[in-house]
Amino acid sequence: MTRVLVVEDNADLAFGLRNNLEIEGYDVRVAADGNEGLARARDWRPDLVLLDLMLPGLDGFRVLRSIREDGATVPVLILTARGDEADKVRGLRLGADDYVTKPFGVLELLARVEALLRRTGNGAGGRREGPAVERFGGVEIDVASRTVLRDGRPASLAPMEFDLLLALVRRRGAVASRLELMKEVWGHQAAVLSRTVDTHVAELRRKLEDDPASPRHILTVRKAGYRLQA
């Protein structure tokens, strides 16, 4: 059974999230503060984390940073207050894979959860078939194990960073618009933060390019989108 960890200090909201997720067939655990949430993420090893940013103890940003510093690639969906774009951007830069803005509808949340799990191999559906190993420059991508090597050394990518990289690689140099990447990688096109793709591309460049400020492989095509040059 797919395991979902909900880290939320609002007891009523946490109860509603747990109830609706369990109705959908997920195994759900709830943590009421950041310290408990981080401990459960480490010990229980969930398939997905729903993470509020405003938490007692450790806040959501520190929880997220610790999860990623542990090397965990579990998809993280952050819960943010309406209008706090800076928090969304910060969360994405720390390795969050998606976000939902409070107040949110249950159907929207469940759709985001399903899309994240599907794209990380833990839900229904499948990925587009392609070669087992993809390469460009000094980067090697093992599709089956979802691991990336840069010059023979492991590069730690968040789940959505990996999916974005694979989407660019498999276009064989063709340009992908931001909208196309949003639909393919995130599974939705409405209410998506306009800087989501840009933020993840910046992280890919930081981790995979020799000079992120002057990339050789992950290129911006002005007024069109992005493409990957081998």
Protein backbone atom coordinates (compact mmCIF):
# COMPACT_ATOMS: atom_id res chain seq x y z
CA MET A 1 0.00 0.00 0.00
CA THR A 2 1.28 3.47 -0.90
CA ARG A 3 2.36 5.39 2.21
CA VAL A 4 1.65 9.11 2.62
CA LEU A 5 3.04 11.16 5.50
CA VAL A 6 1.05 14.29 6.41
CA VAL A 7 3.01 16.87 8.41
CA GLU A 8 0.41 19.42 9.54
CA ASP A 9 -0.15 21.07 12.93
CA ASN A 10 -3.77 22.05 12.30
CA ALA A 11 -5.58 19.07 13.82
CA ASP A 12 -8.82 19.59 11.85
CA LEU A 13 -7.01 19.92 8.53
CA ALA A 14 -4.77 16.95 9.31
CA PHE A 15 -7.83 14.83 10.15
CA GLY A 16 -9.53 15.82 6.88
CA LEU A 17 -6.43 15.08 4.84
CA ARG A 18 -5.96 11.70 6.49
CA ASN A 19 -9.61 10.77 6.05
CA ASN A 20 -9.73 11.64 2.35
CA LEU A 21 -6.41 9.99 1.57
CA GLU A 22 -7.42 6.79 3.39
CA ILE A 23 -10.68 6.73 1.43
CA GLU A 24 -8.53 6.71 -1.72
CA GLY A 25 -6.64 3.67 -0.41
CA TYR A 26 -3.45 5.25 0.94
CA ASP A 27 -1.72 4.23 4.16
CA VAL A 28 -1.51 7.55 6.04
CA ARG A 29 0.40 8.74 9.09
CA VAL A 30 0.19 12.22 10.60
CA ALA A 31 2.85 14.29 12.37
CA ALA A 32 1.83 17.43 14.25
CA ASP A 33 5.19 19.24 14.26
CA GLY A 34 8.41 19.45 12.31
CA ASN A 35 10.53 17.29 14.58
CA GLU A 36 8.01 14.45 14.55
CA GLY A 37 7.55 14.83 10.80
CA LEU A 38 11.28 14.53 10.12
CA ALA A 39 11.56 11.51 12.41
CA ARG A 40 8.67 9.76 10.65
CA ALA A 41 10.09 10.60 7.23
CA ARG A 42 13.35 8.93 8.24
CA ASP A 43 11.92 5.91 10.05
CA TRP A 44 8.73 5.12 8.12
CA ARG A 45 10.09 5.94 4.64
CA PRO A 46 6.85 7.19 3.05
CA ASP A 47 6.20 7.23 -0.69
CA LEU A 48 5.07 10.85 -0.52
CA VAL A 49 5.15 13.68 2.05
CA LEU A 50 2.52 16.41 2.43
CA LEU A 51 4.39 19.15 4.26
CA ASP A 52 3.00 22.32 5.80
CA LEU A 53 5.54 25.14 5.89
CA MET A 54 4.39 26.82 9.12
CA LEU A 55 5.06 24.22 11.81
CA PRO A 56 6.01 24.30 15.49
CA GLY A 57 9.50 23.09 16.32
CA LEU A 58 11.27 22.69 12.99
CA ASP A 59 9.49 24.67 10.29
CA GLY A 60 8.67 23.05 6.97
CA PHE A 61 11.68 24.55 5.21
CA ARG A 62 14.10 22.95 7.68
CA VAL A 63 12.26 19.65 7.51
CA LEU A 64 12.49 19.70 3.71
CA ARG A 65 16.15 20.65 3.75
CA SER A 66 16.94 17.83 6.17
CA ILE A 67 15.03 15.29 4.06
CA ARG A 68 17.04 16.24 0.98
CA GLU A 69 20.34 16.38 2.88
CA ASP A 70 19.63 12.81 3.98
CA GLY A 71 19.63 11.89 0.30
CA ALA A 72 15.95 10.96 0.25
CA THR A 73 14.22 11.43 -3.11
CA VAL A 74 10.68 10.99 -1.76
CA PRO A 75 8.33 13.44 -3.52
CA VAL A 76 7.32 16.34 -1.28
CA LEU A 77 4.15 18.37 -1.81
CA ILE A 78 4.24 21.58 0.22
CA LEU A 79 1.16 23.29 1.64
CA THR A 80 1.44 27.08 1.45
CA ALA A 81 -0.60 30.10 2.45
CA ARG A 82 -2.34 32.04 -0.31
CA GLY A 83 -0.16 34.65 -1.99
CA ASP A 84 3.14 33.64 -0.41
CA GLU A 85 4.99 33.27 -3.71
CA ALA A 86 8.38 33.71 -2.06
CA ASP A 87 7.67 30.70 0.16
CA LYS A 88 6.70 28.62 -2.87
CA VAL A 89 9.89 29.53 -4.70
CA ARG A 90 12.01 28.85 -1.63
CA GLY A 91 10.33 25.48 -1.14
CA LEU A 92 10.91 24.48 -4.75
CA ARG A 93 14.56 25.49 -4.52
CA LEU A 94 14.99 23.34 -1.43
CA GLY A 95 13.73 20.32 -3.34
CA ALA A 96 9.92 20.35 -3.11
CA ASP A 97 8.23 18.79 -6.12
CA ASP A 98 4.92 20.62 -6.12
CA TYR A 99 2.74 22.82 -3.95
CA VAL A 100 -0.90 23.41 -3.08
CA THR A 101 -2.12 26.79 -1.90
CA LYS A 102 -4.40 27.01 1.14
CA PRO A 103 -7.35 26.92 1.10
CA PHE A 104 -7.42 24.11 -1.44
CA GLY A 105 -10.04 21.71 -2.72
CA VAL A 106 -9.84 18.03 -1.89
CA LEU A 107 -10.09 17.00 -5.54
CA GLU A 108 -7.19 19.28 -6.48
CA LEU A 109 -5.05 17.88 -3.69
CA LEU A 110 -5.82 14.27 -4.58
CA ALA A 111 -5.03 14.99 -8.24
CA ARG A 112 -1.65 16.46 -7.28
CA VAL A 113 -0.88 13.49 -5.03
CA GLU A 114 -1.81 11.01 -7.76
CA ALA A 115 0.23 12.87 -10.37
CA LEU A 116 3.32 12.97 -8.15
CA LEU A 117 3.08 9.28 -7.30
CA ARG A 118 2.50 8.33 -10.92
CA ARG A 119 5.52 10.29 -12.07
CA THR A 120 7.78 8.83 -9.41
CA GLY A 121 6.73 5.26 -10.08
CA ASN A 122 4.60 4.68 -6.99
CA GLY A 123 1.16 5.18 -8.45
CA ALA A 124 -0.97 4.05 -11.35
CA GLY A 125 0.12 4.67 -14.88
CA GLY A 126 3.54 4.49 -16.46
CA ARG A 127 6.28 6.46 -18.09
CA ARG A 128 7.07 6.88 -21.69
CA GLU A 129 9.39 4.14 -22.84
CA GLY A 130 12.93 4.97 -23.89
CA PRO A 131 16.52 3.79 -23.55
CA ALA A 132 17.53 2.37 -20.18
CA VAL A 133 20.48 4.77 -20.00
CA GLU A 134 20.59 8.31 -21.39
CA ARG A 135 23.78 10.37 -21.75
CA PHE A 136 24.89 13.89 -22.57
CA GLY A 137 28.24 15.52 -21.93
CA GLY A 138 29.61 13.93 -18.79
CA VAL A 139 26.15 13.08 -17.45
CA GLU A 140 24.73 9.55 -17.37
CA ILE A 141 21.08 8.90 -16.47
CA ASP A 142 19.98 5.43 -15.39
CA VAL A 143 16.24 5.49 -16.04
CA ALA A 144 15.35 2.30 -14.17
CA SER A 145 17.12 3.20 -10.93
CA ARG A 146 16.41 6.94 -11.35
CA THR A 147 20.04 7.79 -10.63
CA VAL A 148 22.30 10.35 -12.27
CA LEU A 149 26.08 10.40 -12.51
CA ARG A 150 28.08 13.49 -13.38
CA ASP A 151 31.65 12.67 -14.42
CA GLY A 152 31.23 9.32 -12.69
CA ARG A 153 30.02 10.78 -9.40
CA PRO A 154 26.43 10.62 -8.09
CA ALA A 155 24.35 13.76 -8.56
CA SER A 156 21.45 14.00 -6.13
CA LEU A 157 18.29 15.14 -7.95
CA ALA A 158 14.86 15.66 -6.47
CA PRO A 159 12.17 13.49 -8.15
CA MET A 160 10.75 16.31 -10.26
CA GLU A 161 14.24 17.47 -11.24
CA PHE A 162 14.90 13.96 -12.54
CA ASP A 163 11.62 13.89 -14.48
CA LEU A 164 12.30 17.33 -15.95
CA LEU A 165 15.79 16.29 -17.01
CA LEU A 166 14.45 13.13 -18.64
CA ALA A 167 11.75 15.10 -20.47
CA LEU A 168 14.40 17.40 -21.95
CA VAL A 169 16.83 14.58 -22.82
CA ARG A 170 14.20 12.53 -24.64
CA ARG A 171 13.33 15.43 -26.92
CA ARG A 172 16.72 14.92 -28.62
CA GLY A 173 17.48 18.63 -28.87
CA ALA A 174 13.95 19.80 -29.69
CA VAL A 175 12.60 22.82 -27.83
CA ALA A 176 10.06 22.25 -25.03
CA SER A 177 7.87 25.11 -23.93
CA ARG A 178 7.25 25.76 -20.24
CA LEU A 179 3.61 24.75 -20.70
CA GLU A 180 4.60 21.44 -22.30
CA LEU A 181 6.99 20.71 -19.46
CA MET A 182 4.39 21.62 -16.83
CA LYS A 183 1.88 19.22 -18.38
CA GLU A 184 4.37 16.40 -18.90
CA VAL A 185 6.30 16.59 -15.64
CA TRP A 186 3.81 18.04 -13.17
CA GLY A 187 0.67 16.66 -14.79
CA HIS A 188 -1.32 19.88 -14.73
CA GLN A 189 -1.25 23.27 -16.38
CA ALA A 190 -3.59 25.46 -14.35
CA ALA A 191 -2.64 27.27 -11.14
CA VAL A 192 1.00 26.36 -11.55
CA LEU A 193 3.51 28.88 -10.27
CA SER A 194 4.98 30.53 -13.35
CA ARG A 195 8.52 30.13 -12.03
CA THR A 196 8.22 26.42 -11.19
CA VAL A 197 9.94 25.20 -14.37
CA ASP A 198 12.54 27.98 -14.27
CA THR A 199 13.41 27.16 -10.65
CA HIS A 200 13.88 23.46 -11.40
CA VAL A 201 15.95 24.22 -14.51
CA ALA A 202 18.19 26.47 -12.42
CA GLU A 203 18.71 23.62 -9.95
CA LEU A 204 19.55 21.19 -12.76
CA ARG A 205 22.14 23.62 -14.08
CA ARG A 206 23.61 24.08 -10.63
CA LYS A 207 24.00 20.34 -10.18
CA LEU A 208 24.98 19.27 -13.70
CA GLU A 209 26.65 22.18 -15.52
CA ASP A 210 30.31 23.19 -15.11
CA ASP A 211 29.25 26.84 -15.19
CA PRO A 212 25.55 27.23 -14.31
CA ALA A 213 25.63 30.89 -15.32
CA SER A 214 26.79 29.94 -18.80
CA PRO A 215 25.32 26.46 -19.42
CA ARG A 216 26.52 24.27 -22.30
CA HIS A 217 23.77 21.68 -22.23
CA ILE A 218 20.53 22.89 -20.58
CA LEU A 219 19.78 25.89 -22.76
CA THR A 220 17.15 28.62 -22.70
CA VAL A 221 15.47 29.35 -26.03
CA ARG A 222 14.25 32.92 -25.81
CA LYS A 223 10.45 33.26 -25.88
CA ALA A 224 10.12 29.53 -26.54
CA GLY A 225 11.29 27.41 -23.59
CA TYR A 226 14.21 25.07 -23.02
CA ARG A 227 16.18 22.45 -24.90
CA LEU A 228 19.01 20.09 -24.08
CA GLN A 229 22.15 20.11 -26.20
CA ALA A 230 24.33 17.03 -25.97
